[in-house]
């Protein structure tokens, strides 16, 4: 099964080897048929600590690295 890849913006880099990435997606309301934005924040592994707040990045699913961290940053956009 292919690993999930998501695009988002780094919103925090305060932790060691971890960044928080905010990912937006648009969802259609079932009754009113209007699209609205949903945001989810993922903790992603950043081994070399090279990504800073405001960077647009691609994250990829990986094995669980901690209780909340199961994504890793694979590149900058």
N, C-alpha and C. Protein backbone atom coordinates (compact mmCIF):
# COMPACT_ATOMS: atom_id res chain seq x y z
N UNK A 1 0.84 -1.19 0.00
CA UNK A 1 0.00 0.00 0.00
C UNK A 1 0.89 1.25 0.00
N UNK A 2 0.60 2.23 -0.87
CA UNK A 2 1.44 3.43 -0.93
C UNK A 2 1.29 4.29 0.33
N UNK A 3 2.38 4.98 0.67
CA UNK A 3 2.38 5.84 1.85
C UNK A 3 1.71 7.16 1.51
N UNK A 4 0.97 7.70 2.47
CA UNK A 4 0.25 8.95 2.29
C UNK A 4 1.24 10.12 2.27
N UNK A 5 1.08 11.03 1.29
CA UNK A 5 1.90 12.23 1.21
C UNK A 5 0.99 13.45 1.31
N UNK A 6 1.39 14.42 2.12
CA UNK A 6 0.60 15.63 2.33
C UNK A 6 1.47 16.86 2.18
N UNK A 7 0.88 17.97 1.73
CA UNK A 7 1.59 19.24 1.62
C UNK A 7 1.07 20.17 2.69
N UNK A 8 1.97 20.92 3.31
CA UNK A 8 1.55 21.84 4.35
C UNK A 8 2.62 22.87 4.68
N UNK A 9 2.34 23.66 5.70
CA UNK A 9 3.22 24.74 6.13
C UNK A 9 3.69 24.46 7.55
N UNK A 10 4.98 24.64 7.79
CA UNK A 10 5.54 24.45 9.14
C UNK A 10 5.06 25.60 10.02
N UNK A 11 4.41 25.25 11.15
CA UNK A 11 3.91 26.28 12.06
C UNK A 11 4.68 26.31 13.38
N UNK A 12 5.51 25.28 13.65
CA UNK A 12 6.33 25.28 14.86
C UNK A 12 7.55 24.41 14.64
N UNK A 13 8.70 24.90 15.15
CA UNK A 13 9.93 24.11 15.09
C UNK A 13 10.65 24.13 16.44
N UNK A 14 9.90 24.29 17.51
CA UNK A 14 10.48 24.44 18.84
C UNK A 14 11.01 23.13 19.43
N UNK A 15 10.49 21.99 18.97
CA UNK A 15 10.90 20.71 19.54
C UNK A 15 12.17 20.19 18.86
N UNK A 16 12.86 19.26 19.52
CA UNK A 16 14.06 18.65 18.95
C UNK A 16 13.66 17.62 17.90
N UNK A 17 14.19 17.75 16.69
CA UNK A 17 13.98 16.82 15.58
C UNK A 17 12.52 16.63 15.21
N UNK A 18 11.67 17.60 15.53
CA UNK A 18 10.25 17.52 15.22
C UNK A 18 9.75 18.89 14.77
N UNK A 19 8.90 18.91 13.74
CA UNK A 19 8.22 20.13 13.33
C UNK A 19 6.72 19.85 13.31
N UNK A 20 5.93 20.89 13.50
CA UNK A 20 4.47 20.78 13.41
C UNK A 20 4.07 21.37 12.07
N UNK A 21 3.36 20.56 11.26
CA UNK A 21 2.96 20.97 9.92
C UNK A 21 1.44 21.09 9.87
N UNK A 22 0.96 22.25 9.40
CA UNK A 22 -0.47 22.50 9.27
C UNK A 22 -0.89 22.16 7.84
N UNK A 23 -1.86 21.24 7.70
CA UNK A 23 -2.33 20.79 6.39
C UNK A 23 -3.79 21.20 6.22
N UNK A 24 -4.08 21.94 5.13
CA UNK A 24 -5.45 22.37 4.83
C UNK A 24 -6.06 21.46 3.78
N UNK A 25 -7.37 21.23 3.90
CA UNK A 25 -8.10 20.50 2.87
C UNK A 25 -9.49 21.10 2.76
N UNK A 26 -10.09 20.99 1.58
CA UNK A 26 -11.41 21.53 1.35
C UNK A 26 -12.42 20.39 1.32
N UNK A 27 -13.53 20.57 2.06
CA UNK A 27 -14.55 19.55 2.22
C UNK A 27 -15.88 20.13 1.78
N UNK A 28 -16.67 19.32 1.09
CA UNK A 28 -17.99 19.75 0.65
C UNK A 28 -19.03 19.37 1.70
N UNK A 29 -19.84 20.35 2.10
CA UNK A 29 -20.89 20.09 3.07
C UNK A 29 -21.97 19.21 2.45
N UNK A 30 -22.40 18.17 3.17
CA UNK A 30 -23.32 17.19 2.61
C UNK A 30 -24.69 17.80 2.26
N UNK A 31 -25.20 18.68 3.11
CA UNK A 31 -26.53 19.23 2.88
C UNK A 31 -26.50 20.51 2.04
N UNK A 32 -25.59 21.42 2.36
CA UNK A 32 -25.60 22.74 1.73
C UNK A 32 -24.69 22.86 0.52
N UNK A 33 -23.90 21.83 0.22
CA UNK A 33 -23.05 21.75 -0.97
C UNK A 33 -22.01 22.87 -1.06
N UNK A 34 -21.70 23.49 0.06
CA UNK A 34 -20.69 24.54 0.07
C UNK A 34 -19.36 23.95 0.53
N UNK A 35 -18.27 24.41 -0.08
CA UNK A 35 -16.95 23.94 0.31
C UNK A 35 -16.42 24.80 1.45
N UNK A 36 -15.78 24.16 2.43
CA UNK A 36 -15.15 24.89 3.51
C UNK A 36 -13.83 24.24 3.86
N UNK A 37 -12.96 25.02 4.50
CA UNK A 37 -11.59 24.58 4.77
C UNK A 37 -11.48 23.93 6.14
N UNK A 38 -10.84 22.77 6.19
CA UNK A 38 -10.52 22.10 7.44
C UNK A 38 -9.01 22.05 7.57
N UNK A 39 -8.51 22.29 8.76
CA UNK A 39 -7.08 22.30 9.02
C UNK A 39 -6.73 21.25 10.05
N UNK A 40 -5.65 20.51 9.80
CA UNK A 40 -5.17 19.53 10.76
C UNK A 40 -3.68 19.72 10.93
N UNK A 41 -3.20 19.55 12.14
CA UNK A 41 -1.77 19.72 12.44
C UNK A 41 -1.15 18.36 12.69
N UNK A 42 -0.05 18.09 12.00
CA UNK A 42 0.67 16.83 12.14
C UNK A 42 2.06 17.11 12.70
N UNK A 43 2.51 16.25 13.61
CA UNK A 43 3.90 16.31 14.05
C UNK A 43 4.72 15.44 13.09
N UNK A 44 5.81 16.00 12.56
CA UNK A 44 6.62 15.29 11.58
C UNK A 44 8.08 15.30 12.00
N UNK A 45 8.78 14.22 11.66
CA UNK A 45 10.19 14.05 12.03
C UNK A 45 11.08 14.87 11.08
N UNK A 46 11.99 15.62 11.67
CA UNK A 46 12.95 16.44 10.92
C UNK A 46 14.33 16.17 11.51
N UNK A 47 15.01 15.15 10.98
CA UNK A 47 16.27 14.65 11.56
C UNK A 47 17.35 15.73 11.66
N UNK A 48 17.54 16.52 10.61
CA UNK A 48 18.63 17.50 10.59
C UNK A 48 18.21 18.88 11.08
N UNK A 49 16.97 19.02 11.49
CA UNK A 49 16.42 20.30 11.98
C UNK A 49 16.69 21.43 10.99
N UNK A 50 16.35 21.19 9.70
CA UNK A 50 16.63 22.17 8.66
C UNK A 50 15.41 22.98 8.23
N UNK A 51 14.22 22.66 8.73
CA UNK A 51 13.00 23.37 8.32
C UNK A 51 12.57 24.34 9.41
N UNK A 52 12.16 25.53 8.99
CA UNK A 52 11.78 26.58 9.92
C UNK A 52 10.32 26.98 9.71
N UNK A 53 9.81 27.79 10.62
CA UNK A 53 8.43 28.26 10.55
C UNK A 53 8.20 29.01 9.24
N UNK A 54 7.12 28.66 8.54
CA UNK A 54 6.77 29.31 7.28
C UNK A 54 7.16 28.54 6.04
N UNK A 55 8.00 27.50 6.18
CA UNK A 55 8.41 26.70 5.03
C UNK A 55 7.26 25.83 4.55
N UNK A 56 7.08 25.74 3.23
CA UNK A 56 6.11 24.83 2.64
C UNK A 56 6.82 23.50 2.42
N UNK A 57 6.28 22.41 2.99
CA UNK A 57 6.95 21.12 2.95
C UNK A 57 6.00 20.01 2.53
N UNK A 58 6.59 18.86 2.16
CA UNK A 58 5.84 17.64 1.88
C UNK A 58 6.19 16.66 2.99
N UNK A 59 5.16 16.06 3.61
CA UNK A 59 5.39 15.06 4.64
C UNK A 59 4.86 13.71 4.15
N UNK A 60 5.48 12.65 4.64
CA UNK A 60 5.11 11.29 4.22
C UNK A 60 4.91 10.42 5.45
N UNK A 61 3.94 9.53 5.34
CA UNK A 61 3.63 8.60 6.41
C UNK A 61 4.81 7.65 6.64
N UNK A 62 5.06 7.31 7.89
CA UNK A 62 6.12 6.35 8.22
C UNK A 62 5.68 5.56 9.45
N UNK A 63 6.55 4.68 9.92
CA UNK A 63 6.23 3.93 11.13
C UNK A 63 6.14 4.90 12.30
N UNK A 64 5.40 4.54 13.36
CA UNK A 64 5.31 5.45 14.51
C UNK A 64 6.67 5.67 15.15
N UNK A 65 7.05 6.93 15.27
CA UNK A 65 8.33 7.29 15.88
C UNK A 65 8.15 7.70 17.34
N UNK A 66 6.94 8.08 17.71
CA UNK A 66 6.61 8.39 19.10
C UNK A 66 5.08 8.27 19.22
N UNK A 67 4.55 8.70 20.35
CA UNK A 67 3.11 8.54 20.57
C UNK A 67 2.28 9.32 19.55
N UNK A 68 2.75 10.52 19.16
CA UNK A 68 1.97 11.35 18.25
C UNK A 68 2.63 11.53 16.88
N UNK A 69 3.85 11.03 16.71
CA UNK A 69 4.61 11.33 15.49
C UNK A 69 4.71 10.11 14.60
N UNK A 70 4.03 10.15 13.44
CA UNK A 70 4.12 9.06 12.47
C UNK A 70 4.21 9.59 11.05
N UNK A 71 4.80 10.78 10.90
CA UNK A 71 5.09 11.37 9.60
C UNK A 71 6.52 11.86 9.61
N UNK A 72 7.12 11.96 8.41
CA UNK A 72 8.46 12.52 8.30
C UNK A 72 8.48 13.51 7.14
N UNK A 73 9.29 14.56 7.28
CA UNK A 73 9.42 15.57 6.23
C UNK A 73 10.33 15.01 5.16
N UNK A 74 9.85 15.03 3.89
CA UNK A 74 10.66 14.49 2.82
C UNK A 74 11.21 15.56 1.88
N UNK A 75 10.72 16.80 2.00
CA UNK A 75 11.26 17.84 1.13
C UNK A 75 10.54 19.17 1.28
N UNK A 76 11.19 20.19 0.70
CA UNK A 76 10.65 21.53 0.70
C UNK A 76 10.04 21.83 -0.67
N UNK A 77 8.97 22.60 -0.71
CA UNK A 77 8.35 22.93 -1.99
C UNK A 77 8.92 24.27 -2.47
